[in-house]
């Protein structure tokens, strides 16, 4: 059986504002297990970038090691890409971002790559508010090494072969809020209708945007005893709101049920419109976001949607007061101010 995609492209395929079709945002054929939630996330990234009319060559994809970290090969095949070592993707993303802040940085990681070996890296890239989209494909297990529990596996949950997990789980969203991340959201790989707008909102945000996506592992962690299984998430998922994303240049409309409404403007002039089930959950407040996460966790529910947004925070370049011009484009004349200027600087240290 040949799994290669047909070369023929229908001449009437829909095109975005740049003249690209959706296929222009695809990558190689996936080698993940059939039915893996990670492939659904890759397809959501493709759809989000297509609808936002993002130029593929303006995107830099970065990843670490794990099933999730293979996925950048499966989307945006015309973009820049770098597969780093285990848990070190944030450092590579930081270095690249410091050199060229004009690119859109999409980092893809897993629960092992982020919450275990890469925890120190994740903590610092979040608190520095690096301008990037950080996607965690979270399945609660180590798929590449046959399904051991990861640090995000819920206490009492068990995979196909393992005993119930005796340890408390790490909630990456709650941690990101506490660390000062300026955008935090959680989605489900099986709910593309919610996930695509979340990714579009994260892409449009200036600052560190974490999107934690529960993505069931169909091989090792999709049993009735696993809280990361497809059916368990479907039965225990509670959404903060019905979410849509409206870019500055063109409005994307949606039908909403009656309820309270809150609008949060983003740095690029776009907006996230949230329709909430009640008036108690204000996503701009850190304490409220943490309380909401804890409240639903105690009830055995997975809270999805936009959990926290704070656009008053500066990103890393603003904090460090770097030049408006990308560092990798600075010339020798711009980097060396001349002897007279250097002597004035030296005088300050005498």
C-alpha atoms as a PDB file:
ATOM      1  CA  UNK A   1       0.000   0.000   0.000  1.00  0.00           C
ATOM      2  CA  UNK A   2       1.388   3.396  -0.997  1.00  0.00           C
ATOM      3  CA  UNK A   3       0.879   6.121   1.606  1.00  0.00           C
ATOM      4  CA  UNK A   4       2.250   8.944  -0.539  1.00  0.00           C
ATOM      5  CA  UNK A   5      -0.066  11.856  -1.200  1.00  0.00           C
ATOM      6  CA  UNK A   6      -1.156  12.442  -4.783  1.00  0.00           C
ATOM      7  CA  UNK A   7       0.810  15.093  -6.660  1.00  0.00           C
ATOM      8  CA  UNK A   8      -2.287  16.436  -8.415  1.00  0.00           C
ATOM      9  CA  UNK A   9      -3.849  19.540  -6.891  1.00  0.00           C
ATOM     10  CA  UNK A  10      -7.349  20.594  -7.729  1.00  0.00           C
ATOM     11  CA  UNK A  11      -7.274  24.002  -9.463  1.00  0.00           C
ATOM     12  CA  UNK A  12     -10.210  25.263  -7.393  1.00  0.00           C
ATOM     13  CA  UNK A  13      -8.678  24.662  -3.945  1.00  0.00           C
ATOM     14  CA  UNK A  14      -9.501  27.602  -1.637  1.00  0.00           C
ATOM     15  CA  UNK A  15      -6.702  30.141  -1.243  1.00  0.00           C
ATOM     16  CA  UNK A  16      -5.931  32.564   1.571  1.00  0.00           C
ATOM     17  CA  UNK A  17      -5.027  36.246   1.263  1.00  0.00           C
ATOM     18  CA  UNK A  18      -1.484  35.365   0.161  1.00  0.00           C
ATOM     19  CA  UNK A  19      -2.658  33.050  -2.583  1.00  0.00           C
ATOM     20  CA  UNK A  20      -1.577  29.897  -0.743  1.00  0.00           C
ATOM     21  CA  UNK A  21      -3.722  26.779  -0.480  1.00  0.00           C
ATOM     22  CA  UNK A  22      -3.907  24.708   2.669  1.00  0.00           C
ATOM     23  CA  UNK A  23      -1.569  22.149   1.129  1.00  0.00           C
ATOM     24  CA  UNK A  24       1.169  24.781   1.002  1.00  0.00           C
ATOM     25  CA  UNK A  25       1.252  24.569   4.822  1.00  0.00           C
ATOM     26  CA  UNK A  26       1.570  20.810   5.030  1.00  0.00           C
ATOM     27  CA  UNK A  27       4.747  18.794   5.558  1.00  0.00           C
ATOM     28  CA  UNK A  28       5.887  15.196   5.208  1.00  0.00           C
ATOM     29  CA  UNK A  29       3.674  12.156   5.767  1.00  0.00           C
ATOM     30  CA  UNK A  30       3.361  11.321   9.452  1.00  0.00           C
ATOM     31  CA  UNK A  31       5.105   8.222  10.829  1.00  0.00           C
ATOM     32  CA  UNK A  32       3.241   8.347  14.145  1.00  0.00           C
ATOM     33  CA  UNK A  33       0.781   5.646  15.199  1.00  0.00           C
ATOM     34  CA  UNK A  34      -2.527   5.694  13.327  1.00  0.00           C
ATOM     35  CA  UNK A  35      -5.012   7.755  15.317  1.00  0.00           C
ATOM     36  CA  UNK A  36      -2.369   9.607  17.361  1.00  0.00           C
ATOM     37  CA  UNK A  37      -3.698  12.875  18.767  1.00  0.00           C
ATOM     38  CA  UNK A  38      -0.460  14.588  17.780  1.00  0.00           C
ATOM     39  CA  UNK A  39      -1.453  14.381  14.108  1.00  0.00           C
ATOM     40  CA  UNK A  40      -4.682  16.209  14.917  1.00  0.00           C
ATOM     41  CA  UNK A  41      -2.653  18.980  16.557  1.00  0.00           C
ATOM     42  CA  UNK A  42      -0.399  19.213  13.498  1.00  0.00           C
ATOM     43  CA  UNK A  43      -3.483  19.568  11.313  1.00  0.00           C
ATOM     44  CA  UNK A  44      -4.812  22.299  13.606  1.00  0.00           C
ATOM     45  CA  UNK A  45      -1.513  24.194  13.298  1.00  0.00           C
ATOM     46  CA  UNK A  46      -1.740  23.889   9.503  1.00  0.00           C
ATOM     47  CA  UNK A  47      -5.301  25.183   9.540  1.00  0.00           C
ATOM     48  CA  UNK A  48      -4.499  28.075  11.886  1.00  0.00           C
ATOM     49  CA  UNK A  49      -1.535  29.265   9.801  1.00  0.00           C
ATOM     50  CA  UNK A  50      -3.528  28.924   6.582  1.00  0.00           C
ATOM     51  CA  UNK A  51      -6.463  30.949   7.917  1.00  0.00           C
ATOM     52  CA  UNK A  52      -4.148  33.643   9.306  1.00  0.00           C
ATOM     53  CA  UNK A  53      -2.353  33.916   5.940  1.00  0.00           C
ATOM     54  CA  UNK A  54       1.077  33.494   7.495  1.00  0.00           C
ATOM     55  CA  UNK A  55       4.015  33.368   5.113  1.00  0.00           C
ATOM     56  CA  UNK A  56       5.616  29.941   5.700  1.00  0.00           C
ATOM     57  CA  UNK A  57       9.155  31.290   5.308  1.00  0.00           C
ATOM     58  CA  UNK A  58       8.509  33.675   8.230  1.00  0.00           C
ATOM     59  CA  UNK A  59       8.048  30.755  10.633  1.00  0.00           C
ATOM     60  CA  UNK A  60      10.714  28.958  12.663  1.00  0.00           C
ATOM     61  CA  UNK A  61       9.713  25.557  14.079  1.00  0.00           C
ATOM     62  CA  UNK A  62      11.666  24.143  17.008  1.00  0.00           C
ATOM     63  CA  UNK A  63      11.380  20.939  19.014  1.00  0.00           C
ATOM     64  CA  UNK A  64      13.181  18.636  21.418  1.00  0.00           C
ATOM     65  CA  UNK A  65      12.966  14.845  21.605  1.00  0.00           C
ATOM     66  CA  UNK A  66       9.869  12.647  21.746  1.00  0.00           C
ATOM     67  CA  UNK A  67       6.868  11.660  19.665  1.00  0.00           C
ATOM     68  CA  UNK A  68       5.643  15.257  19.797  1.00  0.00           C
ATOM     69  CA  UNK A  69       9.001  16.629  18.720  1.00  0.00           C
ATOM     70  CA  UNK A  70       8.793  14.696  15.450  1.00  0.00           C
ATOM     71  CA  UNK A  71       5.684  16.588  14.377  1.00  0.00           C
ATOM     72  CA  UNK A  72       7.341  19.766  12.980  1.00  0.00           C
ATOM     73  CA  UNK A  73       8.303  17.600  10.012  1.00  0.00           C
ATOM     74  CA  UNK A  74       4.589  17.091   9.344  1.00  0.00           C
ATOM     75  CA  UNK A  75       3.525  20.732   9.052  1.00  0.00           C
ATOM     76  CA  UNK A  76       4.826  23.916   7.393  1.00  0.00           C
ATOM     77  CA  UNK A  77       7.308  22.118   5.181  1.00  0.00           C
ATOM     78  CA  UNK A  78       8.485  25.437   3.707  1.00  0.00           C
ATOM     79  CA  UNK A  79       9.447  26.918   7.081  1.00  0.00           C
ATOM     80  CA  UNK A  80      12.699  26.991   9.022  1.00  0.00           C
ATOM     81  CA  UNK A  81      13.159  24.090  11.437  1.00  0.00           C
ATOM     82  CA  UNK A  82      15.487  22.926  14.186  1.00  0.00           C
ATOM     83  CA  UNK A  83      15.230  19.701  16.186  1.00  0.00           C
ATOM     84  CA  UNK A  84      17.244  20.194  19.374  1.00  0.00           C
ATOM     85  CA  UNK A  85      18.329  17.779  22.112  1.00  0.00           C
ATOM     86  CA  UNK A  86      15.984  16.474  24.801  1.00  0.00           C
ATOM     87  CA  UNK A  87      14.423  19.268  26.858  1.00  0.00           C
ATOM     88  CA  UNK A  88      16.587  22.047  25.403  1.00  0.00           C
ATOM     89  CA  UNK A  89      14.233  23.500  22.803  1.00  0.00           C
ATOM     90  CA  UNK A  90      13.570  26.694  24.859  1.00  0.00           C
ATOM     91  CA  UNK A  91      17.278  27.606  24.852  1.00  0.00           C
ATOM     92  CA  UNK A  92      17.519  27.196  21.092  1.00  0.00           C
ATOM     93  CA  UNK A  93      14.312  29.202  20.652  1.00  0.00           C
ATOM     94  CA  UNK A  94      15.682  31.957  22.897  1.00  0.00           C
ATOM     95  CA  UNK A  95      18.936  32.205  20.969  1.00  0.00           C
ATOM     96  CA  UNK A  96      17.182  32.280  17.613  1.00  0.00           C
ATOM     97  CA  UNK A  97      14.629  34.824  18.856  1.00  0.00           C
ATOM     98  CA  UNK A  98      17.368  37.092  20.185  1.00  0.00           C
ATOM     99  CA  UNK A  99      19.087  37.019  16.801  1.00  0.00           C
ATOM    100  CA  UNK A 100      15.985  37.560  14.675  1.00  0.00           C
ATOM    101  CA  UNK A 101      12.815  38.733  16.395  1.00  0.00           C
ATOM    102  CA  UNK A 102      10.997  39.209  13.077  1.00  0.00           C
ATOM    103  CA  UNK A 103      10.210  35.488  12.724  1.00  0.00           C
ATOM    104  CA  UNK A 104       7.238  33.672  14.241  1.00  0.00           C
ATOM    105  CA  UNK A 105       8.587  31.032  16.612  1.00  0.00           C
ATOM    106  CA  UNK A 106       6.556  27.870  17.164  1.00  0.00           C
ATOM    107  CA  UNK A 107       8.040  25.476  19.709  1.00  0.00           C
ATOM    108  CA  UNK A 108       6.641  21.955  19.930  1.00  0.00           C
ATOM    109  CA  UNK A 109       7.308  19.806  22.978  1.00  0.00           C
ATOM    110  CA  UNK A 110       5.828  16.948  24.984  1.00  0.00           C
ATOM    111  CA  UNK A 111       5.018  16.346  28.620  1.00  0.00           C
ATOM    112  CA  UNK A 112       8.293  14.489  29.111  1.00  0.00           C
ATOM    113  CA  UNK A 113      10.349  16.964  27.092  1.00  0.00           C
ATOM    114  CA  UNK A 114       8.831  19.869  29.084  1.00  0.00           C
ATOM    115  CA  UNK A 115       7.781  18.637  32.532  1.00  0.00           C
ATOM    116  CA  UNK A 116      10.746  16.334  33.223  1.00  0.00           C
ATOM    117  CA  UNK A 117      14.153  16.785  31.601  1.00  0.00           C
ATOM    118  CA  UNK A 118      13.193  20.185  30.207  1.00  0.00           C
ATOM    119  CA  UNK A 119      11.497  21.614  33.290  1.00  0.00           C
ATOM    120  CA  UNK A 120      14.302  24.090  34.061  1.00  0.00           C
ATOM    121  CA  UNK A 121      14.254  25.300  30.481  1.00  0.00           C
ATOM    122  CA  UNK A 122      10.472  25.694  30.474  1.00  0.00           C
ATOM    123  CA  UNK A 123      10.467  27.647  33.738  1.00  0.00           C
ATOM    124  CA  UNK A 124      12.891  30.275  32.487  1.00  0.00           C
ATOM    125  CA  UNK A 125      11.463  30.749  28.997  1.00  0.00           C
ATOM    126  CA  UNK A 126       8.052  31.335  30.604  1.00  0.00           C
ATOM    127  CA  UNK A 127       9.250  33.841  33.196  1.00  0.00           C
ATOM    128  CA  UNK A 128      11.248  35.748  30.564  1.00  0.00           C
ATOM    129  CA  UNK A 129       8.069  35.998  28.450  1.00  0.00           C
ATOM    130  CA  UNK A 130       9.862  35.106  25.235  1.00  0.00           C
ATOM    131  CA  UNK A 131       7.743  35.974  22.206  1.00  0.00           C
ATOM    132  CA  UNK A 132       6.877  32.479  20.964  1.00  0.00           C
ATOM    133  CA  UNK A 133       4.094  29.915  20.772  1.00  0.00           C
ATOM    134  CA  UNK A 134       4.937  26.953  23.026  1.00  0.00           C
ATOM    135  CA  UNK A 135       2.780  23.905  22.224  1.00  0.00           C
ATOM    136  CA  UNK A 136       2.828  20.926  24.589  1.00  0.00           C
ATOM    137  CA  UNK A 137       1.428  17.713  23.125  1.00  0.00           C
ATOM    138  CA  UNK A 138       0.472  16.195  26.469  1.00  0.00           C
ATOM    139  CA  UNK A 139      -0.362  12.474  26.604  1.00  0.00           C
ATOM    140  CA  UNK A 140       0.794  11.673  30.150  1.00  0.00           C
ATOM    141  CA  UNK A 141       3.277   9.009  29.081  1.00  0.00           C
ATOM    142  CA  UNK A 142       6.582   8.374  27.314  1.00  0.00           C
ATOM    143  CA  UNK A 143       5.456   6.942  23.991  1.00  0.00           C
ATOM    144  CA  UNK A 144       8.953   6.462  22.545  1.00  0.00           C
ATOM    145  CA  UNK A 145      10.038   4.281  25.488  1.00  0.00           C
ATOM    146  CA  UNK A 146       6.905   2.116  25.723  1.00  0.00           C
ATOM    147  CA  UNK A 147       4.465   4.063  27.847  1.00  0.00           C
ATOM    148  CA  UNK A 148       5.956   4.863  31.267  1.00  0.00           C
ATOM    149  CA  UNK A 149       4.100   7.522  33.277  1.00  0.00           C
ATOM    150  CA  UNK A 150       5.242  11.091  32.711  1.00  0.00           C
ATOM    151  CA  UNK A 151       5.229  13.958  35.195  1.00  0.00           C
ATOM    152  CA  UNK A 152       1.805  15.102  33.968  1.00  0.00           C
ATOM    153  CA  UNK A 153       0.124  11.737  34.567  1.00  0.00           C
ATOM    154  CA  UNK A 154      -2.625  12.223  37.157  1.00  0.00           C
ATOM    155  CA  UNK A 155      -2.335  10.511  40.530  1.00  0.00           C
ATOM    156  CA  UNK A 156      -4.210   7.224  40.465  1.00  0.00           C
ATOM    157  CA  UNK A 157      -4.242   7.084  36.677  1.00  0.00           C
ATOM    158  CA  UNK A 158      -2.692   4.070  34.995  1.00  0.00           C
ATOM    159  CA  UNK A 159      -1.643   3.261  31.447  1.00  0.00           C
ATOM    160  CA  UNK A 160      -2.173  -0.009  29.604  1.00  0.00           C
ATOM    161  CA  UNK A 161       0.732  -1.817  31.264  1.00  0.00           C
ATOM    162  CA  UNK A 162       1.426   0.190  34.416  1.00  0.00           C
ATOM    163  CA  UNK A 163       0.221   0.351  37.985  1.00  0.00           C
ATOM    164  CA  UNK A 164      -1.743   3.397  39.209  1.00  0.00           C
ATOM    165  CA  UNK A 165       0.532   6.445  39.334  1.00  0.00           C
ATOM    166  CA  UNK A 166       1.380   7.222  43.019  1.00  0.00           C
ATOM    167  CA  UNK A 167       2.657  10.771  42.403  1.00  0.00           C
ATOM    168  CA  UNK A 168       0.907  14.111  42.090  1.00  0.00           C
ATOM    169  CA  UNK A 169       0.751  15.484  38.553  1.00  0.00           C
ATOM    170  CA  UNK A 170       2.404  18.685  37.358  1.00  0.00           C
ATOM    171  CA  UNK A 171      -0.095  21.122  35.850  1.00  0.00           C
ATOM    172  CA  UNK A 172       1.888  23.054  33.231  1.00  0.00           C
ATOM    173  CA  UNK A 173      -0.850  25.636  32.741  1.00  0.00           C
ATOM    174  CA  UNK A 174      -1.071  26.473  36.433  1.00  0.00           C
ATOM    175  CA  UNK A 175       2.708  26.670  36.640  1.00  0.00           C
ATOM    176  CA  UNK A 176       2.906  28.952  33.592  1.00  0.00           C
ATOM    177  CA  UNK A 177       0.363  31.348  35.093  1.00  0.00           C
ATOM    178  CA  UNK A 178       2.339  31.532  38.333  1.00  0.00           C
ATOM    179  CA  UNK A 179       5.618  32.061  36.454  1.00  0.00           C
ATOM    180  CA  UNK A 180       4.243  35.083  34.631  1.00  0.00           C
ATOM    181  CA  UNK A 181       3.445  33.733  31.172  1.00  0.00           C
ATOM    182  CA  UNK A 182       1.311  36.295  29.366  1.00  0.00           C
ATOM    183  CA  UNK A 183      -0.907  33.795  27.513  1.00  0.00           C
ATOM    184  CA  UNK A 184      -1.989  30.379  28.792  1.00  0.00           C
ATOM    185  CA  UNK A 185      -4.526  28.056  27.161  1.00  0.00           C
ATOM    186  CA  UNK A 186      -5.438  24.389  27.179  1.00  0.00           C
ATOM    187  CA  UNK A 187      -7.054  22.396  24.401  1.00  0.00           C
ATOM    188  CA  UNK A 188      -7.880  18.846  23.390  1.00  0.00           C
ATOM    189  CA  UNK A 189      -6.581  17.219  20.234  1.00  0.00           C
ATOM    190  CA  UNK A 190     -10.013  15.746  19.612  1.00  0.00           C
ATOM    191  CA  UNK A 191     -11.719  19.160  19.571  1.00  0.00           C
ATOM    192  CA  UNK A 192     -10.427  20.946  16.487  1.00  0.00           C
ATOM    193  CA  UNK A 193     -13.264  23.475  16.616  1.00  0.00           C
ATOM    194  CA  UNK A 194     -11.844  24.834  19.868  1.00  0.00           C
ATOM    195  CA  UNK A 195      -8.145  24.155  19.239  1.00  0.00           C
ATOM    196  CA  UNK A 196      -7.756  26.087  15.958  1.00  0.00           C
ATOM    197  CA  UNK A 197      -9.002  29.414  17.438  1.00  0.00           C
ATOM    198  CA  UNK A 198      -6.787  28.861  20.501  1.00  0.00           C
ATOM    199  CA  UNK A 199      -3.728  28.436  18.277  1.00  0.00           C
ATOM    200  CA  UNK A 200      -4.660  31.486  16.213  1.00  0.00           C
ATOM    201  CA  UNK A 201      -5.007  33.561  19.370  1.00  0.00           C
ATOM    202  CA  UNK A 202      -1.633  32.304  20.637  1.00  0.00           C
ATOM    203  CA  UNK A 203       0.033  33.158  17.309  1.00  0.00           C
ATOM    204  CA  UNK A 204      -1.414  36.669  17.427  1.00  0.00           C
ATOM    205  CA  UNK A 205      -0.201  37.285  20.983  1.00  0.00           C
ATOM    206  CA  UNK A 206       3.063  39.102  21.682  1.00  0.00           C
ATOM    207  CA  UNK A 207       4.861  37.274  24.475  1.00  0.00           C
ATOM    208  CA  UNK A 208       5.104  33.723  25.756  1.00  0.00           C
ATOM    209  CA  UNK A 209       1.982  31.816  24.690  1.00  0.00           C
ATOM    210  CA  UNK A 210       1.584  28.334  26.158  1.00  0.00           C
ATOM    211  CA  UNK A 211      -0.968  26.004  24.582  1.00  0.00           C
ATOM    212  CA  UNK A 212      -1.155  22.741  26.530  1.00  0.00           C
ATOM    213  CA  UNK A 213      -3.008  20.192  24.396  1.00  0.00           C
ATOM    214  CA  UNK A 214      -4.226  16.919  25.894  1.00  0.00           C
ATOM    215  CA  UNK A 215      -3.372  14.374  23.202  1.00  0.00           C
ATOM    216  CA  UNK A 216      -4.241  10.710  23.941  1.00  0.00           C
ATOM    217  CA  UNK A 217      -1.584   8.110  23.161  1.00  0.00           C
ATOM    218  CA  UNK A 218      -3.560   5.451  21.283  1.00  0.00           C
ATOM    219  CA  UNK A 219      -0.880   2.807  21.839  1.00  0.00           C
ATOM    220  CA  UNK A 220       0.019   3.074  25.525  1.00  0.00           C
ATOM    221  CA  UNK A 221      -2.329   5.475  27.292  1.00  0.00           C
ATOM    222  CA  UNK A 222      -5.842   5.308  25.882  1.00  0.00           C
ATOM    223  CA  UNK A 223      -7.450   2.880  28.323  1.00  0.00           C
ATOM    224  CA  UNK A 224     -10.401   3.306  30.707  1.00  0.00           C
ATOM    225  CA  UNK A 225      -7.977   3.718  33.639  1.00  0.00           C
ATOM    226  CA  UNK A 226      -6.105   6.629  32.036  1.00  0.00           C
ATOM    227  CA  UNK A 227      -7.179  10.219  32.642  1.00  0.00           C
ATOM    228  CA  UNK A 228      -5.440  11.165  29.375  1.00  0.00           C
ATOM    229  CA  UNK A 229      -7.571   8.816  27.292  1.00  0.00           C
ATOM    230  CA  UNK A 230      -9.872  10.077  24.561  1.00  0.00           C
ATOM    231  CA  UNK A 231     -13.100   8.983  26.233  1.00  0.00           C
ATOM    232  CA  UNK A 232     -12.118  10.216  29.703  1.00  0.00           C
ATOM    233  CA  UNK A 233     -11.273  13.689  28.394  1.00  0.00           C
ATOM    234  CA  UNK A 234     -14.516  13.821  26.437  1.00  0.00           C
ATOM    235  CA  UNK A 235     -16.509  12.986  29.590  1.00  0.00           C
ATOM    236  CA  UNK A 236     -14.580  15.296  31.944  1.00  0.00           C
ATOM    237  CA  UNK A 237     -13.749  18.312  29.784  1.00  0.00           C
ATOM    238  CA  UNK A 238     -15.095  21.683  30.894  1.00  0.00           C
ATOM    239  CA  UNK A 239     -14.581  24.658  28.560  1.00  0.00           C
ATOM    240  CA  UNK A 240     -14.087  28.186  29.895  1.00  0.00           C
ATOM    241  CA  UNK A 241     -15.904  29.653  26.928  1.00  0.00           C
ATOM    242  CA  UNK A 242     -16.746  29.458  23.269  1.00  0.00           C
ATOM    243  CA  UNK A 243     -13.705  31.050  21.646  1.00  0.00           C
ATOM    244  CA  UNK A 244     -13.140  32.673  18.272  1.00  0.00           C
ATOM    245  CA  UNK A 245     -10.268  34.777  16.972  1.00  0.00           C
ATOM    246  CA  UNK A 246     -10.646  37.950  14.934  1.00  0.00           C
ATOM    247  CA  UNK A 247      -7.553  39.149  12.997  1.00  0.00           C
ATOM    248  CA  UNK A 248      -7.129  42.835  12.399  1.00  0.00           C
ATOM    249  CA  UNK A 249      -7.580  42.702   8.655  1.00  0.00           C
ATOM    250  CA  UNK A 250     -10.574  40.389   8.386  1.00  0.00           C
ATOM    251  CA  UNK A 251     -13.269  39.345  10.821  1.00  0.00           C
ATOM    252  CA  UNK A 252     -14.013  35.674  11.407  1.00  0.00           C
ATOM    253  CA  UNK A 253     -17.575  35.366  12.720  1.00  0.00           C
ATOM    254  CA  UNK A 254     -19.167  32.672  14.832  1.00  0.00           C
ATOM    255  CA  UNK A 255     -22.528  31.941  16.444  1.00  0.00           C
ATOM    256  CA  UNK A 256     -22.576  32.084  20.246  1.00  0.00           C
ATOM    257  CA  UNK A 257     -25.062  31.168  22.911  1.00  0.00           C
ATOM    258  CA  UNK A 258     -26.331  33.821  25.257  1.00  0.00           C
ATOM    259  CA  UNK A 259     -24.052  34.681  28.179  1.00  0.00           C
ATOM    260  CA  UNK A 260     -21.580  37.171  29.532  1.00  0.00           C
ATOM    261  CA  UNK A 261     -18.936  38.496  27.140  1.00  0.00           C
ATOM    262  CA  UNK A 262     -15.385  39.685  27.666  1.00  0.00           C
ATOM    263  CA  UNK A 263     -13.073  41.089  25.003  1.00  0.00           C
ATOM    264  CA  UNK A 264      -9.285  41.037  25.348  1.00  0.00           C
ATOM    265  CA  UNK A 265      -7.287  43.058  22.793  1.00  0.00           C
ATOM    266  CA  UNK A 266      -3.925  41.739  21.605  1.00  0.00           C
ATOM    267  CA  UNK A 267      -0.774  43.656  20.721  1.00  0.00           C
ATOM    268  CA  UNK A 268      -1.189  43.367  16.966  1.00  0.00           C
ATOM    269  CA  UNK A 269      -4.595  45.033  17.059  1.00  0.00           C
ATOM    270  CA  UNK A 270      -6.530  41.775  16.937  1.00  0.00           C
ATOM    271  CA  UNK A 271      -8.872  40.551  19.657  1.00  0.00           C
ATOM    272  CA  UNK A 272      -9.997  37.449  21.488  1.00  0.00           C
ATOM    273  CA  UNK A 273     -13.721  37.378  22.202  1.00  0.00           C
ATOM    274  CA  UNK A 274     -14.763  35.179  25.097  1.00  0.00           C
ATOM    275  CA  UNK A 275     -18.291  34.109  25.920  1.00  0.00           C
ATOM    276  CA  UNK A 276     -18.317  32.760  29.443  1.00  0.00           C
ATOM    277  CA  UNK A 277     -20.728  30.554  31.308  1.00  0.00           C
ATOM    278  CA  UNK A 278     -20.720  32.989  34.241  1.00  0.00           C
ATOM    279  CA  UNK A 279     -19.164  36.300  35.345  1.00  0.00           C
ATOM    280  CA  UNK A 280     -16.729  34.859  37.878  1.00  0.00           C
ATOM    281  CA  UNK A 281     -13.831  33.837  35.601  1.00  0.00           C
ATOM    282  CA  UNK A 282     -11.741  36.827  34.527  1.00  0.00           C
ATOM    283  CA  UNK A 283      -8.841  35.497  32.422  1.00  0.00           C
ATOM    284  CA  UNK A 284      -6.794  38.664  32.992  1.00  0.00           C
ATOM    285  CA  UNK A 285      -6.377  37.873  36.719  1.00  0.00           C
ATOM    286  CA  UNK A 286      -3.655  35.404  37.737  1.00  0.00           C
ATOM    287  CA  UNK A 287      -5.290  34.421  41.019  1.00  0.00           C
ATOM    288  CA  UNK A 288      -8.642  33.814  39.347  1.00  0.00           C
ATOM    289  CA  UNK A 289      -7.002  31.631  36.678  1.00  0.00           C
ATOM    290  CA  UNK A 290      -5.185  29.499  39.263  1.00  0.00           C
ATOM    291  CA  UNK A 291      -8.330  29.172  41.392  1.00  0.00           C
ATOM    292  CA  UNK A 292     -10.347  28.077  38.355  1.00  0.00           C
ATOM    293  CA  UNK A 293      -7.775  25.421  37.460  1.00  0.00           C
ATOM    294  CA  UNK A 294      -7.689  24.114  41.030  1.00  0.00           C
ATOM    295  CA  UNK A 295     -11.483  24.177  41.324  1.00  0.00           C
ATOM    296  CA  UNK A 296     -11.984  22.013  38.258  1.00  0.00           C
ATOM    297  CA  UNK A 297      -9.074  19.727  39.139  1.00  0.00           C
ATOM    298  CA  UNK A 298     -10.670  18.950  42.499  1.00  0.00           C
ATOM    299  CA  UNK A 299     -13.869  18.076  40.652  1.00  0.00           C
ATOM    300  CA  UNK A 300     -11.942  15.712  38.357  1.00  0.00           C
ATOM    301  CA  UNK A 301     -12.425  17.958  35.332  1.00  0.00           C
ATOM    302  CA  UNK A 302     -10.037  19.198  32.645  1.00  0.00           C
ATOM    303  CA  UNK A 303     -10.486  22.940  32.145  1.00  0.00           C
ATOM    304  CA  UNK A 304      -9.920  23.945  28.526  1.00  0.00           C
ATOM    305  CA  UNK A 305      -9.984  27.225  26.653  1.00  0.00           C
ATOM    306  CA  UNK A 306      -8.125  30.463  27.278  1.00  0.00           C
ATOM    307  CA  UNK A 307      -7.074  30.403  30.915  1.00  0.00           C
ATOM    308  CA  UNK A 308      -4.994  33.564  31.305  1.00  0.00           C
ATOM    309  CA  UNK A 309      -4.042  36.613  29.219  1.00  0.00           C
ATOM    310  CA  UNK A 310      -1.928  39.549  30.402  1.00  0.00           C
ATOM    311  CA  UNK A 311      -0.927  41.986  27.689  1.00  0.00           C
ATOM    312  CA  UNK A 312       0.648  44.481  30.095  1.00  0.00           C
ATOM    313  CA  UNK A 313       3.762  42.316  30.422  1.00  0.00           C
ATOM    314  CA  UNK A 314       6.836  43.121  28.351  1.00  0.00           C
ATOM    315  CA  UNK A 315       8.396  40.437  26.199  1.00  0.00           C
ATOM    316  CA  UNK A 316      12.096  39.558  26.430  1.00  0.00           C
ATOM    317  CA  UNK A 317      13.223  42.099  23.829  1.00  0.00           C
ATOM    318  CA  UNK A 318      11.324  44.903  25.560  1.00  0.00           C
ATOM    319  CA  UNK A 319      12.737  43.895  28.938  1.00  0.00           C
ATOM    320  CA  UNK A 320      16.313  43.858  27.611  1.00  0.00           C
ATOM    321  CA  UNK A 321      15.718  46.987  25.500  1.00  0.00           C
ATOM    322  CA  UNK A 322      17.197  45.467  22.374  1.00  0.00           C
ATOM    323  CA  UNK A 323      17.291  47.334  19.088  1.00  0.00           C
ATOM    324  CA  UNK A 324      14.264  47.534  16.840  1.00  0.00           C
ATOM    325  CA  UNK A 325      16.415  46.077  14.076  1.00  0.00           C
ATOM    326  CA  UNK A 326      17.029  42.291  14.363  1.00  0.00           C
ATOM    327  CA  UNK A 327      20.470  41.602  15.825  1.00  0.00           C
ATOM    328  CA  UNK A 328      21.479  39.345  12.941  1.00  0.00           C
ATOM    329  CA  UNK A 329      21.116  42.243  10.502  1.00  0.00           C
ATOM    330  CA  UNK A 330      23.311  44.737  12.386  1.00  0.00           C
ATOM    331  CA  UNK A 331      26.441  45.792  10.515  1.00  0.00           C
ATOM    332  CA  UNK A 332      29.940  46.405  11.884  1.00  0.00           C
ATOM    333  CA  UNK A 333      29.295  50.143  11.759  1.00  0.00           C
ATOM    334  CA  UNK A 334      26.204  49.745  13.951  1.00  0.00           C
ATOM    335  CA  UNK A 335      27.849  47.322  16.371  1.00  0.00           C
ATOM    336  CA  UNK A 336      30.980  49.468  16.885  1.00  0.00           C
ATOM    337  CA  UNK A 337      29.996  53.033  17.890  1.00  0.00           C
ATOM    338  CA  UNK A 338      33.531  54.380  17.530  1.00  0.00           C
ATOM    339  CA  UNK A 339      36.341  55.298  19.914  1.00  0.00           C
ATOM    340  CA  UNK A 340      34.785  58.557  21.152  1.00  0.00           C
ATOM    341  CA  UNK A 341      31.571  56.847  22.252  1.00  0.00           C
ATOM    342  CA  UNK A 342      33.501  53.973  23.832  1.00  0.00           C
ATOM    343  CA  UNK A 343      35.639  56.391  25.848  1.00  0.00           C
ATOM    344  CA  UNK A 344      32.481  58.013  27.237  1.00  0.00           C
ATOM    345  CA  UNK A 345      31.206  54.606  28.273  1.00  0.00           C
ATOM    346  CA  UNK A 346      34.530  53.757  29.940  1.00  0.00           C
ATOM    347  CA  UNK A 347      34.409  56.988  31.931  1.00  0.00           C
ATOM    348  CA  UNK A 348      31.242  55.758  33.673  1.00  0.00           C
ATOM    349  CA  UNK A 349      33.205  52.853  35.156  1.00  0.00           C
ATOM    350  CA  UNK A 350      36.148  54.845  36.503  1.00  0.00           C
END
